[in-house]
C-alpha atoms as a PDB file:
ATOM      1  CA  MET A   1      13.693 -50.293 -34.739  1.00  0.00           C
ATOM      2  CA  GLN A   2      11.600 -48.932 -31.945  1.00  0.00           C
ATOM      3  CA  HIS A   3      11.369 -45.226 -31.047  1.00  0.00           C
ATOM      4  CA  PHE A   4      10.621 -44.171 -27.542  1.00  0.00           C
ATOM      5  CA  ILE A   5       9.090 -40.797 -26.867  1.00  0.00           C
ATOM      6  CA  VAL A   6      10.890 -39.050 -24.058  1.00  0.00           C
ATOM      7  CA  PRO A   7       8.846 -36.353 -22.335  1.00  0.00           C
ATOM      8  CA  ASN A   8      10.294 -32.907 -22.678  1.00  0.00           C
ATOM      9  CA  GLN A   9      11.726 -31.964 -19.306  1.00  0.00           C
ATOM     10  CA  ASN A  10      12.044 -28.322 -20.341  1.00  0.00           C
ATOM     11  CA  LEU A  11       8.272 -27.826 -20.382  1.00  0.00           C
ATOM     12  CA  ASN A  12       7.941 -28.804 -16.738  1.00  0.00           C
ATOM     13  CA  THR A  13      10.764 -26.532 -15.659  1.00  0.00           C
ATOM     14  CA  LYS A  14       9.368 -23.619 -17.686  1.00  0.00           C
ATOM     15  CA  GLU A  15       5.960 -24.046 -16.076  1.00  0.00           C
ATOM     16  CA  GLU A  16       7.556 -24.321 -12.651  1.00  0.00           C
ATOM     17  CA  ASN A  17       9.589 -21.168 -13.322  1.00  0.00           C
ATOM     18  CA  LYS A  18       6.424 -19.321 -14.347  1.00  0.00           C
ATOM     19  CA  MET A  19       4.691 -20.387 -11.131  1.00  0.00           C
ATOM     20  CA  GLU A  20       7.699 -19.355  -9.056  1.00  0.00           C
ATOM     21  CA  ASN A  21       7.733 -15.962 -10.766  1.00  0.00           C
ATOM     22  CA  ILE A  22       4.018 -15.503 -10.157  1.00  0.00           C
ATOM     23  CA  VAL A  23       4.432 -16.394  -6.481  1.00  0.00           C
ATOM     24  CA  LYS A  24       7.336 -13.933  -6.200  1.00  0.00           C
ATOM     25  CA  VAL A  25       5.318 -11.146  -7.803  1.00  0.00           C
ATOM     26  CA  ILE A  26       2.367 -11.790  -5.501  1.00  0.00           C
ATOM     27  CA  GLY A  27       4.697 -11.841  -2.494  1.00  0.00           C
ATOM     28  CA  VAL A  28       6.313  -8.545  -3.463  1.00  0.00           C
ATOM     29  CA  ALA A  29       2.895  -6.975  -4.064  1.00  0.00           C
ATOM     30  CA  MET A  30       1.672  -8.101  -0.651  1.00  0.00           C
ATOM     31  CA  ILE A  31       4.785  -6.719   1.031  1.00  0.00           C
ATOM     32  CA  GLY A  32       4.260  -3.442  -0.833  1.00  0.00           C
ATOM     33  CA  VAL A  33       0.659  -3.180   0.346  1.00  0.00           C
ATOM     34  CA  VAL A  34       1.714  -3.847   3.945  1.00  0.00           C
ATOM     35  CA  ILE A  35       4.434  -1.174   3.721  1.00  0.00           C
ATOM     36  CA  ILE A  36       1.989   1.368   2.272  1.00  0.00           C
ATOM     37  CA  ILE A  37      -0.576   0.689   5.001  1.00  0.00           C
ATOM     38  CA  ALA A  38       2.046   0.802   7.769  1.00  0.00           C
ATOM     39  CA  SER A  39       3.551   4.059   6.509  1.00  0.00           C
ATOM     40  CA  GLY A  40       0.095   5.607   6.133  1.00  0.00           C
ATOM     41  CA  LEU A  41      -0.745   4.741   9.705  1.00  0.00           C
ATOM     42  CA  LEU A  42       2.656   5.986  10.880  1.00  0.00           C
ATOM     43  CA  PHE A  43       2.228   9.321   9.081  1.00  0.00           C
ATOM     44  CA  SER A  44      -1.242   9.735  10.566  1.00  0.00           C
ATOM     45  CA  LEU A  45       0.169   9.825  14.098  1.00  0.00           C
ATOM     46  CA  PRO A  46       1.287  13.492  13.883  1.00  0.00           C
ATOM     47  CA  VAL A  47      -2.149  14.448  12.532  1.00  0.00           C
ATOM     48  CA  MET A  48      -3.783  12.727  15.491  1.00  0.00           C
ATOM     49  CA  TRP A  49      -1.401  14.365  17.987  1.00  0.00           C
ATOM     50  CA  LEU A  50      -1.928  17.833  16.490  1.00  0.00           C
ATOM     51  CA  TRP A  51      -5.700  17.420  16.400  1.00  0.00           C
ATOM     52  CA  ASN A  52      -5.939  16.090  19.932  1.00  0.00           C
ATOM     53  CA  GLY A  53      -3.272  18.412  21.330  1.00  0.00           C
ATOM     54  CA  CYS A  54      -4.094  21.729  19.668  1.00  0.00           C
ATOM     55  CA  LEU A  55      -7.638  21.795  18.308  1.00  0.00           C
ATOM     56  CA  ILE A  56      -9.397  20.279  21.303  1.00  0.00           C
ATOM     57  CA  ALA A  57      -7.977  22.930  23.620  1.00  0.00           C
ATOM     58  CA  ALA A  58      -8.600  25.792  21.172  1.00  0.00           C
ATOM     59  CA  ILE A  59     -12.103  24.969  19.901  1.00  0.00           C
ATOM     60  CA  PRO A  60     -14.807  23.858  22.337  1.00  0.00           C
ATOM     61  CA  GLY A  61     -17.023  21.009  21.242  1.00  0.00           C
ATOM     62  CA  ILE A  62     -14.421  19.132  19.180  1.00  0.00           C
ATOM     63  CA  LYS A  63     -13.895  15.510  20.184  1.00  0.00           C
ATOM     64  CA  SER A  64     -10.591  13.677  20.171  1.00  0.00           C
ATOM     65  CA  ILE A  65      -9.852  11.390  17.247  1.00  0.00           C
ATOM     66  CA  GLY A  66      -8.179   8.025  16.926  1.00  0.00           C
ATOM     67  CA  TRP A  67      -5.488   6.675  14.648  1.00  0.00           C
ATOM     68  CA  LEU A  68      -7.762   5.563  11.820  1.00  0.00           C
ATOM     69  CA  GLN A  69      -9.749   8.792  11.904  1.00  0.00           C
ATOM     70  CA  ALA A  70      -6.502  10.754  11.546  1.00  0.00           C
ATOM     71  CA  TRP A  71      -5.589   8.541   8.610  1.00  0.00           C
ATOM     72  CA  GLY A  72      -8.966   9.316   7.037  1.00  0.00           C
ATOM     73  CA  ILE A  73      -8.395  13.045   7.537  1.00  0.00           C
ATOM     74  CA  MET A  74      -5.008  12.728   5.835  1.00  0.00           C
ATOM     75  CA  ILE A  75      -6.526  10.916   2.861  1.00  0.00           C
ATOM     76  CA  LEU A  76      -9.383  13.422   2.627  1.00  0.00           C
ATOM     77  CA  CYS A  77      -6.996  16.397   2.729  1.00  0.00           C
ATOM     78  CA  GLY A  78      -4.832  14.750   0.095  1.00  0.00           C
ATOM     79  CA  LEU A  79      -7.822  14.350  -2.189  1.00  0.00           C
ATOM     80  CA  LEU A  80      -9.154  17.849  -1.600  1.00  0.00           C
ATOM     81  CA  PHE A  81      -5.952  19.861  -1.703  1.00  0.00           C
ATOM     82  CA  LYS A  82      -3.779  17.878  -4.108  1.00  0.00           C
ATOM     83  CA  SER A  83      -2.679  19.951  -7.064  1.00  0.00           C
ATOM     84  CA  SER A  84      -3.821  18.516 -10.373  1.00  0.00           C
ATOM     85  CA  VAL A  85      -1.903  21.034 -12.467  1.00  0.00           C
ATOM     86  CA  THR A  86       1.069  19.643 -14.352  1.00  0.00           C
ATOM     87  CA  THR A  87       3.765  21.790 -15.925  1.00  0.00           C
ATOM     88  CA  LYS A  88       6.060  20.971 -18.796  1.00  0.00           C
ATOM     89  CA  ASN A  89       9.631  22.185 -18.716  1.00  0.00           C
END
């Protein structure tokens, strides 16, 4: 009587499922990063408009700023003025 070893098909499908899950996670992470960057740039537009529209006319010697500079100002203000105090209810 001869015994034949049949390869386990479940191992291949489990490995393929793991790879598919990893690819999905990476895809979702990349989409998340793109959304964060796009929303950050979108929210920096009002900062740029206020800076260029109000401060340049009011204070002599101030130059106009671009989109990325406004984004940097937003990030800097968030770091400087963010409250680090937490309260427990």
